[in-house]
Amino acid sequence: MKVHFERSGGFAGISTSISLDTDNMPQDESAQLHQMCSNMNFFNLPSKSDAKSGAADLFRYKITVESKDGKHTVETTDLSMTPEFENFVNYLSDKARKQ
């Protein structure tokens, strides 16, 4: 499975991104990434979730997952995430900071 993550916006407007391939990761990390996608039913999430009006300086996220099941992209903001999706974003953000 391949995951492409982009974060933009925020107060400073700094963008970060990372691409991960579970075939090139330790097995426990690969399993964790697969489990997160499964738990939030990533391939059935809407492609776009818009921010509520009046929200400034939000982070915007674009995540694309490619697997044997297909390819799906989700674009969202800080205010339109489920808790499961927020865990996924936090995991990917942490990976991007450490690269």
PDB file of N, CA and C in Angstrom:
ATOM      1  N   MET A   1       0.852  -1.161   0.000  1.00  0.00           N
ATOM      2  CA  MET A   1       0.000   0.000   0.000  1.00  0.00           C
ATOM      3  C   MET A   1       0.904   1.231   0.000  1.00  0.00           C
ATOM      4  N   LYS A   2       0.508   2.235  -0.759  1.00  0.00           N
ATOM      5  CA  LYS A   2       1.242   3.496  -0.807  1.00  0.00           C
ATOM      6  C   LYS A   2       0.346   4.603  -0.287  1.00  0.00           C
ATOM      7  N   VAL A   3       0.935   5.483   0.518  1.00  0.00           N
ATOM      8  CA  VAL A   3       0.210   6.599   1.097  1.00  0.00           C
ATOM      9  C   VAL A   3       0.965   7.877   0.777  1.00  0.00           C
ATOM     10  N   HIS A   4       0.266   8.837   0.186  1.00  0.00           N
ATOM     11  CA  HIS A   4       0.836  10.146  -0.136  1.00  0.00           C
ATOM     12  C   HIS A   4       0.098  11.171   0.721  1.00  0.00           C
ATOM     13  N   PHE A   5       0.849  11.929   1.521  1.00  0.00           N
ATOM     14  CA  PHE A   5       0.282  12.861   2.491  1.00  0.00           C
ATOM     15  C   PHE A   5       0.812  14.265   2.224  1.00  0.00           C
ATOM     16  N   GLU A   6      -0.098  15.238   2.187  1.00  0.00           N
ATOM     17  CA  GLU A   6       0.279  16.644   2.057  1.00  0.00           C
ATOM     18  C   GLU A   6      -0.503  17.453   3.078  1.00  0.00           C
ATOM     19  N   ARG A   7       0.209  18.346   3.778  1.00  0.00           N
ATOM     20  CA  ARG A   7      -0.442  19.272   4.698  1.00  0.00           C
ATOM     21  C   ARG A   7      -0.025  20.676   4.301  1.00  0.00           C
ATOM     22  N   SER A   8      -1.003  21.572   4.177  1.00  0.00           N
ATOM     23  CA  SER A   8      -0.708  22.957   3.819  1.00  0.00           C
ATOM     24  C   SER A   8      -1.575  23.874   4.668  1.00  0.00           C
ATOM     25  N   GLY A   9      -1.264  25.161   4.595  1.00  0.00           N
ATOM     26  CA  GLY A   9      -2.055  26.143   5.329  1.00  0.00           C
ATOM     27  C   GLY A   9      -1.530  26.368   6.718  1.00  0.00           C
ATOM     28  N   GLY A  10      -2.447  26.660   7.620  1.00  0.00           N
ATOM     29  CA  GLY A  10      -2.061  26.992   8.978  1.00  0.00           C
ATOM     30  C   GLY A  10      -1.617  28.440   9.071  1.00  0.00           C
ATOM     31  N   PHE A  11      -1.283  28.870  10.243  1.00  0.00           N
ATOM     32  CA  PHE A  11      -0.907  30.264  10.480  1.00  0.00           C
ATOM     33  C   PHE A  11       0.317  30.665   9.661  1.00  0.00           C
ATOM     34  N   ALA A  12       1.341  29.805   9.621  1.00  0.00           N
ATOM     35  CA  ALA A  12       2.582  30.133   8.913  1.00  0.00           C
ATOM     36  C   ALA A  12       2.542  29.764   7.436  1.00  0.00           C
ATOM     37  N   GLY A  13       1.574  28.966   7.027  1.00  0.00           N
ATOM     38  CA  GLY A  13       1.456  28.572   5.624  1.00  0.00           C
ATOM     39  C   GLY A  13       2.544  27.619   5.157  1.00  0.00           C
ATOM     40  N   ILE A  14       3.128  26.864   6.070  1.00  0.00           N
ATOM     41  CA  ILE A  14       4.204  25.933   5.716  1.00  0.00           C
ATOM     42  C   ILE A  14       3.601  24.604   5.269  1.00  0.00           C
ATOM     43  N   SER A  15       4.090  24.094   4.159  1.00  0.00           N
ATOM     44  CA  SER A  15       3.607  22.815   3.632  1.00  0.00           C
ATOM     45  C   SER A  15       4.566  21.696   4.006  1.00  0.00           C
ATOM     46  N   THR A  16       4.004  20.529   4.280  1.00  0.00           N
ATOM     47  CA  THR A  16       4.799  19.330   4.506  1.00  0.00           C
ATOM     48  C   THR A  16       4.175  18.188   3.718  1.00  0.00           C
ATOM     49  N   SER A  17       4.998  17.229   3.369  1.00  0.00           N
ATOM     50  CA  SER A  17       4.481  16.068   2.650  1.00  0.00           C
ATOM     51  C   SER A  17       5.387  14.872   2.897  1.00  0.00           C
ATOM     52  N   ILE A  18       4.827  13.715   2.657  1.00  0.00           N
ATOM     53  CA  ILE A  18       5.588  12.468   2.749  1.00  0.00           C
ATOM     54  C   ILE A  18       4.869  11.417   1.913  1.00  0.00           C
ATOM     55  N   SER A  19       5.635  10.496   1.367  1.00  0.00           N
ATOM     56  CA  SER A  19       5.089   9.327   0.680  1.00  0.00           C
ATOM     57  C   SER A  19       5.633   8.090   1.372  1.00  0.00           C
ATOM     58  N   LEU A  20       4.739   7.183   1.710  1.00  0.00           N
ATOM     59  CA  LEU A  20       5.116   5.950   2.389  1.00  0.00           C
ATOM     60  C   LEU A  20       4.697   4.755   1.553  1.00  0.00           C
ATOM     61  N   ASP A  21       5.498   3.726   1.574  1.00  0.00           N
ATOM     62  CA  ASP A  21       5.182   2.473   0.907  1.00  0.00           C
ATOM     63  C   ASP A  21       5.307   1.380   1.965  1.00  0.00           C
ATOM     64  N   THR A  22       4.210   0.726   2.277  1.00  0.00           N
ATOM     65  CA  THR A  22       4.228  -0.269   3.347  1.00  0.00           C
ATOM     66  C   THR A  22       5.153  -1.441   3.037  1.00  0.00           C
ATOM     67  N   ASP A  23       5.492  -1.646   1.769  1.00  0.00           N
ATOM     68  CA  ASP A  23       6.435  -2.707   1.417  1.00  0.00           C
ATOM     69  C   ASP A  23       7.850  -2.381   1.891  1.00  0.00           C
ATOM     70  N   ASN A  24       8.109  -1.088   2.159  1.00  0.00           N
ATOM     71  CA  ASN A  24       9.442  -0.645   2.562  1.00  0.00           C
ATOM     72  C   ASN A  24       9.489  -0.204   4.029  1.00  0.00           C
ATOM     73  N   MET A  25       8.535  -0.650   4.813  1.00  0.00           N
ATOM     74  CA  MET A  25       8.447  -0.265   6.221  1.00  0.00           C
ATOM     75  C   MET A  25       8.598  -1.501   7.093  1.00  0.00           C
ATOM     76  N   PRO A  26       9.001  -1.290   8.362  1.00  0.00           N
ATOM     77  CA  PRO A  26       8.982  -2.438   9.291  1.00  0.00           C
ATOM     78  C   PRO A  26       7.568  -3.020   9.362  1.00  0.00           C
ATOM     79  N   GLN A  27       7.485  -4.315   9.576  1.00  0.00           N
ATOM     80  CA  GLN A  27       6.206  -5.014   9.529  1.00  0.00           C
ATOM     81  C   GLN A  27       5.186  -4.451  10.513  1.00  0.00           C
ATOM     82  N   ASP A  28       5.619  -4.072  11.724  1.00  0.00           N
ATOM     83  CA  ASP A  28       4.666  -3.550  12.705  1.00  0.00           C
ATOM     84  C   ASP A  28       4.097  -2.197  12.270  1.00  0.00           C
ATOM     85  N   GLU A  29       4.932  -1.339  11.678  1.00  0.00           N
ATOM     86  CA  GLU A  29       4.450  -0.048  11.183  1.00  0.00           C
ATOM     87  C   GLU A  29       3.526  -0.228   9.986  1.00  0.00           C
ATOM     88  N   SER A  30       3.887  -1.150   9.111  1.00  0.00           N
ATOM     89  CA  SER A  30       3.051  -1.453   7.954  1.00  0.00           C
ATOM     90  C   SER A  30       1.672  -1.936   8.402  1.00  0.00           C
ATOM     91  N   ALA A  31       1.655  -2.848   9.366  1.00  0.00           N
ATOM     92  CA  ALA A  31       0.385  -3.370   9.878  1.00  0.00           C
ATOM     93  C   ALA A  31      -0.442  -2.265  10.524  1.00  0.00           C
ATOM     94  N   GLN A  32       0.225  -1.359  11.249  1.00  0.00           N
ATOM     95  CA  GLN A  32      -0.481  -0.244  11.891  1.00  0.00           C
ATOM     96  C   GLN A  32      -1.136   0.662  10.855  1.00  0.00           C
ATOM     97  N   LEU A  33      -0.422   0.968   9.784  1.00  0.00           N
ATOM     98  CA  LEU A  33      -0.960   1.823   8.721  1.00  0.00           C
ATOM     99  C   LEU A  33      -2.152   1.159   8.032  1.00  0.00           C
ATOM    100  N   HIS A  34      -2.022  -0.116   7.729  1.00  0.00           N
ATOM    101  CA  HIS A  34      -3.139  -0.861   7.126  1.00  0.00           C
ATOM    102  C   HIS A  34      -4.357  -0.862   8.057  1.00  0.00           C
ATOM    103  N   GLN A  35      -4.111  -1.069   9.357  1.00  0.00           N
ATOM    104  CA  GLN A  35      -5.204  -1.115  10.326  1.00  0.00           C
ATOM    105  C   GLN A  35      -5.910   0.232  10.432  1.00  0.00           C
ATOM    106  N   MET A  36      -5.140   1.320  10.433  1.00  0.00           N
ATOM    107  CA  MET A  36      -5.753   2.653  10.508  1.00  0.00           C
ATOM    108  C   MET A  36      -6.665   2.899   9.305  1.00  0.00           C
ATOM    109  N   CYS A  37      -6.198   2.539   8.118  1.00  0.00           N
ATOM    110  CA  CYS A  37      -7.014   2.725   6.909  1.00  0.00           C
ATOM    111  C   CYS A  37      -8.283   1.886   6.977  1.00  0.00           C
ATOM    112  N   SER A  38      -8.145   0.676   7.456  1.00  0.00           N
ATOM    113  CA  SER A  38      -9.293  -0.208   7.583  1.00  0.00           C
ATOM    114  C   SER A  38     -10.288   0.312   8.617  1.00  0.00           C
ATOM    115  N   ASN A  39      -9.781   0.752   9.779  1.00  0.00           N
ATOM    116  CA  ASN A  39     -10.653   1.221  10.854  1.00  0.00           C
ATOM    117  C   ASN A  39     -11.509   2.414  10.453  1.00  0.00           C
ATOM    118  N   MET A  40     -10.973   3.295   9.629  1.00  0.00           N
ATOM    119  CA  MET A  40     -11.750   4.479   9.230  1.00  0.00           C
ATOM    120  C   MET A  40     -12.451   4.269   7.894  1.00  0.00           C
ATOM    121  N   ASN A  41     -12.294   3.066   7.319  1.00  0.00           N
ATOM    122  CA  ASN A  41     -12.933   2.751   6.045  1.00  0.00           C
ATOM    123  C   ASN A  41     -12.550   3.797   4.993  1.00  0.00           C
ATOM    124  N   PHE A  42     -11.227   4.010   4.852  1.00  0.00           N
ATOM    125  CA  PHE A  42     -10.683   5.098   4.034  1.00  0.00           C
ATOM    126  C   PHE A  42     -11.281   5.153   2.632  1.00  0.00           C
ATOM    127  N   PHE A  43     -11.422   4.016   1.990  1.00  0.00           N
ATOM    128  CA  PHE A  43     -11.866   4.011   0.594  1.00  0.00           C
ATOM    129  C   PHE A  43     -13.335   4.408   0.425  1.00  0.00           C
ATOM    130  N   ASN A  44     -14.071   4.510   1.529  1.00  0.00           N
ATOM    131  CA  ASN A  44     -15.465   4.950   1.467  1.00  0.00           C
ATOM    132  C   ASN A  44     -15.675   6.364   2.013  1.00  0.00           C
ATOM    133  N   LEU A  45     -14.580   7.037   2.399  1.00  0.00           N
ATOM    134  CA  LEU A  45     -14.707   8.418   2.866  1.00  0.00           C
ATOM    135  C   LEU A  45     -14.986   9.345   1.687  1.00  0.00           C
ATOM    136  N   PRO A  46     -15.692  10.461   1.924  1.00  0.00           N
ATOM    137  CA  PRO A  46     -15.917  11.417   0.834  1.00  0.00           C
ATOM    138  C   PRO A  46     -14.584  12.010   0.375  1.00  0.00           C
ATOM    139  N   SER A  47     -14.500  12.328  -0.904  1.00  0.00           N
ATOM    140  CA  SER A  47     -13.269  12.883  -1.463  1.00  0.00           C
ATOM    141  C   SER A  47     -12.940  14.260  -0.914  1.00  0.00           C
ATOM    142  N   LYS A  48     -13.970  15.034  -0.588  1.00  0.00           N
ATOM    143  CA  LYS A  48     -13.744  16.379  -0.056  1.00  0.00           C
ATOM    144  C   LYS A  48     -14.668  16.645   1.107  1.00  0.00           C
ATOM    145  N   SER A  49     -14.099  17.256   2.162  1.00  0.00           N
ATOM    146  CA  SER A  49     -14.871  17.735   3.295  1.00  0.00           C
ATOM    147  C   SER A  49     -14.494  19.186   3.498  1.00  0.00           C
ATOM    148  N   ASP A  50     -15.438  20.083   3.356  1.00  0.00           N
ATOM    149  CA  ASP A  50     -15.150  21.504   3.454  1.00  0.00           C
ATOM    150  C   ASP A  50     -15.197  21.978   4.893  1.00  0.00           C
ATOM    151  N   ALA A  51     -14.414  23.028   5.156  1.00  0.00           N
ATOM    152  CA  ALA A  51     -14.381  23.637   6.488  1.00  0.00           C
ATOM    153  C   ALA A  51     -15.655  24.418   6.736  1.00  0.00           C
ATOM    154  N   LYS A  52     -15.977  24.553   7.997  1.00  0.00           N
ATOM    155  CA  LYS A  52     -17.116  25.387   8.369  1.00  0.00           C
ATOM    156  C   LYS A  52     -16.746  26.841   8.125  1.00  0.00           C
ATOM    157  N   SER A  53     -17.728  27.679   7.850  1.00  0.00           N
ATOM    158  CA  SER A  53     -17.455  29.080   7.562  1.00  0.00           C
ATOM    159  C   SER A  53     -16.867  29.775   8.784  1.00  0.00           C
ATOM    160  N   GLY A  54     -16.052  30.783   8.523  1.00  0.00           N
ATOM    161  CA  GLY A  54     -15.450  31.562   9.591  1.00  0.00           C
ATOM    162  C   GLY A  54     -14.190  30.962  10.179  1.00  0.00           C
ATOM    163  N   ALA A  55     -13.717  29.860   9.640  1.00  0.00           N
ATOM    164  CA  ALA A  55     -12.518  29.211  10.164  1.00  0.00           C
ATOM    165  C   ALA A  55     -11.304  29.670   9.355  1.00  0.00           C
ATOM    166  N   ALA A  56     -10.418  30.398  10.020  1.00  0.00           N
ATOM    167  CA  ALA A  56      -9.214  30.892   9.344  1.00  0.00           C
ATOM    168  C   ALA A  56      -7.999  30.090   9.797  1.00  0.00           C
ATOM    169  N   ASP A  57      -6.981  30.119   8.997  1.00  0.00           N
ATOM    170  CA  ASP A  57      -5.689  29.507   9.319  1.00  0.00           C
ATOM    171  C   ASP A  57      -5.768  28.013   9.606  1.00  0.00           C
ATOM    172  N   LEU A  58      -6.666  27.339   8.954  1.00  0.00           N
ATOM    173  CA  LEU A  58      -6.778  25.887   9.123  1.00  0.00           C
ATOM    174  C   LEU A  58      -5.687  25.177   8.341  1.00  0.00           C
ATOM    175  N   PHE A  59      -5.297  24.012   8.839  1.00  0.00           N
ATOM    176  CA  PHE A  59      -4.473  23.133   8.028  1.00  0.00           C
ATOM    177  C   PHE A  59      -5.392  22.417   7.058  1.00  0.00           C
ATOM    178  N   ARG A  60      -4.906  22.227   5.859  1.00  0.00           N
ATOM    179  CA  ARG A  60      -5.614  21.455   4.841  1.00  0.00           C
ATOM    180  C   ARG A  60      -4.782  20.204   4.565  1.00  0.00           C
ATOM    181  N   TYR A  61      -5.475  19.084   4.413  1.00  0.00           N
ATOM    182  CA  TYR A  61      -4.817  17.806   4.224  1.00  0.00           C
ATOM    183  C   TYR A  61      -5.303  17.151   2.935  1.00  0.00           C
ATOM    184  N   LYS A  62      -4.359  16.563   2.230  1.00  0.00           N
ATOM    185  CA  LYS A  62      -4.686  15.768   1.042  1.00  0.00           C
ATOM    186  C   LYS A  62      -3.948  14.444   1.198  1.00  0.00           C
ATOM    187  N   ILE A  63      -4.722  13.374   1.277  1.00  0.00           N
ATOM    188  CA  ILE A  63      -4.150  12.050   1.469  1.00  0.00           C
ATOM    189  C   ILE A  63      -4.655  11.123   0.373  1.00  0.00           C
ATOM    190  N   THR A  64      -3.717  10.493  -0.303  1.00  0.00           N
ATOM    191  CA  THR A  64      -4.047   9.509  -1.333  1.00  0.00           C
ATOM    192  C   THR A  64      -3.502   8.164  -0.897  1.00  0.00           C
ATOM    193  N   VAL A  65      -4.361   7.156  -0.946  1.00  0.00           N
ATOM    194  CA  VAL A  65      -3.960   5.791  -0.618  1.00  0.00           C
ATOM    195  C   VAL A  65      -4.155   4.936  -1.865  1.00  0.00           C
ATOM    196  N   GLU A  66      -3.101   4.204  -2.211  1.00  0.00           N
ATOM    197  CA  GLU A  66      -3.150   3.262  -3.328  1.00  0.00           C
ATOM    198  C   GLU A  66      -2.931   1.861  -2.761  1.00  0.00           C
ATOM    199  N   SER A  67      -3.834   0.956  -3.102  1.00  0.00           N
ATOM    200  CA  SER A  67      -3.686  -0.433  -2.655  1.00  0.00           C
ATOM    201  C   SER A  67      -4.257  -1.354  -3.720  1.00  0.00           C
ATOM    202  N   LYS A  68      -4.269  -2.624  -3.406  1.00  0.00           N
ATOM    203  CA  LYS A  68      -4.858  -3.590  -4.348  1.00  0.00           C
ATOM    204  C   LYS A  68      -6.346  -3.320  -4.556  1.00  0.00           C
ATOM    205  N   ASP A  69      -6.974  -2.589  -3.614  1.00  0.00           N
ATOM    206  CA  ASP A  69      -8.396  -2.253  -3.710  1.00  0.00           C
ATOM    207  C   ASP A  69      -8.656  -1.031  -4.580  1.00  0.00           C
ATOM    208  N   GLY A  70      -7.601  -0.334  -5.004  1.00  0.00           N
ATOM    209  CA  GLY A  70      -7.765   0.844  -5.842  1.00  0.00           C
ATOM    210  C   GLY A  70      -7.014   2.038  -5.295  1.00  0.00           C
ATOM    211  N   LYS A  71      -7.420   3.211  -5.749  1.00  0.00           N
ATOM    212  CA  LYS A  71      -6.776   4.461  -5.358  1.00  0.00           C
ATOM    213  C   LYS A  71      -7.864   5.442  -4.954  1.00  0.00           C
ATOM    214  N   HIS A  72      -7.655   6.129  -3.823  1.00  0.00           N
ATOM    215  CA  HIS A  72      -8.652   7.080  -3.330  1.00  0.00           C
ATOM    216  C   HIS A  72      -7.932   8.255  -2.678  1.00  0.00           C
ATOM    217  N   THR A  73      -8.438   9.466  -2.933  1.00  0.00           N
ATOM    218  CA  THR A  73      -7.885  10.682  -2.354  1.00  0.00           C
ATOM    219  C   THR A  73      -8.944  11.352  -1.496  1.00  0.00           C
ATOM    220  N   VAL A  74      -8.528  11.808  -0.324  1.00  0.00           N
ATOM    221  CA  VAL A  74      -9.404  12.539   0.588  1.00  0.00           C
ATOM    222  C   VAL A  74      -8.755  13.887   0.883  1.00  0.00           C
ATOM    223  N   GLU A  75      -9.524  14.955   0.735  1.00  0.00           N
ATOM    224  CA  GLU A  75      -9.077  16.298   1.093  1.00  0.00           C
ATOM    225  C   GLU A  75      -9.979  16.810   2.201  1.00  0.00           C
ATOM    226  N   THR A  76      -9.350  17.307   3.280  1.00  0.00           N
ATOM    227  CA  THR A  76     -10.109  17.740   4.445  1.00  0.00           C
ATOM    228  C   THR A  76      -9.349  18.821   5.194  1.00  0.00           C
ATOM    229  N   THR A  77      -9.928  19.301   6.291  1.00  0.00           N
ATOM    230  CA  THR A  77      -9.299  20.313   7.140  1.00  0.00           C
ATOM    231  C   THR A  77      -9.329  19.847   8.592  1.00  0.00           C
ATOM    232  N   ASP A  78      -8.725  20.656   9.455  1.00  0.00           N
ATOM    233  CA  ASP A  78      -8.723  20.348  10.884  1.00  0.00           C
ATOM    234  C   ASP A  78     -10.124  20.174  11.459  1.00  0.00           C
ATOM    235  N   LEU A  79     -11.081  20.956  10.967  1.00  0.00           N
ATOM    236  CA  LEU A  79     -12.419  20.973  11.556  1.00  0.00           C
ATOM    237  C   LEU A  79     -13.375  19.922  11.007  1.00  0.00           C
ATOM    238  N   SER A  80     -12.966  19.200   9.995  1.00  0.00           N
ATOM    239  CA  SER A  80     -13.905  18.254   9.382  1.00  0.00           C
ATOM    240  C   SER A  80     -13.414  16.807   9.451  1.00  0.00           C
ATOM    241  N   MET A  81     -12.615  16.496  10.487  1.00  0.00           N
ATOM    242  CA  MET A  81     -12.075  15.142  10.618  1.00  0.00           C
ATOM    243  C   MET A  81     -12.792  14.349  11.706  1.00  0.00           C
ATOM    244  N   THR A  82     -12.955  13.067  11.451  1.00  0.00           N
ATOM    245  CA  THR A  82     -13.418  12.150  12.491  1.00  0.00           C
ATOM    246  C   THR A  82     -12.224  11.843  13.408  1.00  0.00           C
ATOM    247  N   PRO A  83     -12.463  11.327  14.594  1.00  0.00           N
ATOM    248  CA  PRO A  83     -11.338  10.967  15.476  1.00  0.00           C
ATOM    249  C   PRO A  83     -10.377   9.944  14.840  1.00  0.00           C
ATOM    250  N   GLU A  84     -10.915   8.979  14.108  1.00  0.00           N
ATOM    251  CA  GLU A  84     -10.071   7.975  13.452  1.00  0.00           C
ATOM    252  C   GLU A  84      -9.190   8.613  12.387  1.00  0.00           C
ATOM    253  N   PHE A  85      -9.782   9.544  11.629  1.00  0.00           N
ATOM    254  CA  PHE A  85      -9.015  10.222  10.582  1.00  0.00           C
ATOM    255  C   PHE A  85      -7.963  11.125  11.216  1.00  0.00           C
ATOM    256  N   GLU A  86      -8.292  11.749  12.334  1.00  0.00           N
ATOM    257  CA  GLU A  86      -7.333  12.604  13.037  1.00  0.00           C
ATOM    258  C   GLU A  86      -6.129  11.789  13.510  1.00  0.00           C
ATOM    259  N   ASN A  87      -6.349  10.577  14.008  1.00  0.00           N
ATOM    260  CA  ASN A  87      -5.236   9.698  14.393  1.00  0.00           C
ATOM    261  C   ASN A  87      -4.341   9.391  13.202  1.00  0.00           C
ATOM    262  N   PHE A  88      -4.948   9.142  12.057  1.00  0.00           N
ATOM    263  CA  PHE A  88      -4.223   8.864  10.818  1.00  0.00           C
ATOM    264  C   PHE A  88      -3.384  10.082  10.423  1.00  0.00           C
ATOM    265  N   VAL A  89      -3.988  11.263  10.451  1.00  0.00           N
ATOM    266  CA  VAL A  89      -3.291  12.506  10.114  1.00  0.00           C
ATOM    267  C   VAL A  89      -2.136  12.749  11.081  1.00  0.00           C
ATOM    268  N   ASN A  90      -2.360  12.530  12.369  1.00  0.00           N
ATOM    269  CA  ASN A  90      -1.294  12.723  13.360  1.00  0.00           C
ATOM    270  C   ASN A  90      -0.127  11.776  13.113  1.00  0.00           C
ATOM    271  N   TYR A  91      -0.437  10.539  12.771  1.00  0.00           N
ATOM    272  CA  TYR A  91       0.600   9.554  12.464  1.00  0.00           C
ATOM    273  C   TYR A  91       1.420  10.009  11.257  1.00  0.00           C
ATOM    274  N   LEU A  92       0.740  10.418  10.195  1.00  0.00           N
ATOM    275  CA  LEU A  92       1.425  10.844   8.973  1.00  0.00           C
ATOM    276  C   LEU A  92       2.191  12.153   9.189  1.00  0.00           C
ATOM    277  N   SER A  93       1.630  13.065   9.950  1.00  0.00           N
ATOM    278  CA  SER A  93       2.319  14.328  10.266  1.00  0.00           C
ATOM    279  C   SER A  93       3.623  14.055  11.027  1.00  0.00           C
ATOM    280  N   ASP A  94       3.550  13.132  11.973  1.00  0.00           N
ATOM    281  CA  ASP A  94       4.725  12.765  12.742  1.00  0.00           C
ATOM    282  C   ASP A  94       5.797  12.165  11.838  1.00  0.00           C
ATOM    283  N   LYS A  95       5.400  11.295  10.928  1.00  0.00           N
ATOM    284  CA  LYS A  95       6.337  10.690   9.979  1.00  0.00           C
ATOM    285  C   LYS A  95       6.981  11.768   9.092  1.00  0.00           C
ATOM    286  N   ALA A  96       6.176  12.740   8.649  1.00  0.00           N
ATOM    287  CA  ALA A  96       6.679  13.807   7.788  1.00  0.00           C
ATOM    288  C   ALA A  96       7.706  14.670   8.536  1.00  0.00           C
ATOM    289  N   ARG A  97       7.452  14.944   9.813  1.00  0.00           N
ATOM    290  CA  ARG A  97       8.385  15.752  10.612  1.00  0.00           C
ATOM    291  C   ARG A  97       9.720  15.032  10.812  1.00  0.00           C
ATOM    292  N   LYS A  98       9.683  13.709  10.889  1.00  0.00           N
ATOM    293  CA  LYS A  98      10.882  12.926  11.180  1.00  0.00           C
ATOM    294  C   LYS A  98      11.716  12.598   9.942  1.00  0.00           C
ATOM    295  N   GLN A  99      11.181  12.877   8.770  1.00  0.00           N
ATOM    296  CA  GLN A  99      11.920  12.490   7.566  1.00  0.00           C
ATOM    297  C   GLN A  99      13.105  13.371   7.292  1.00  0.00           C
TER     298      GLN A  99
END
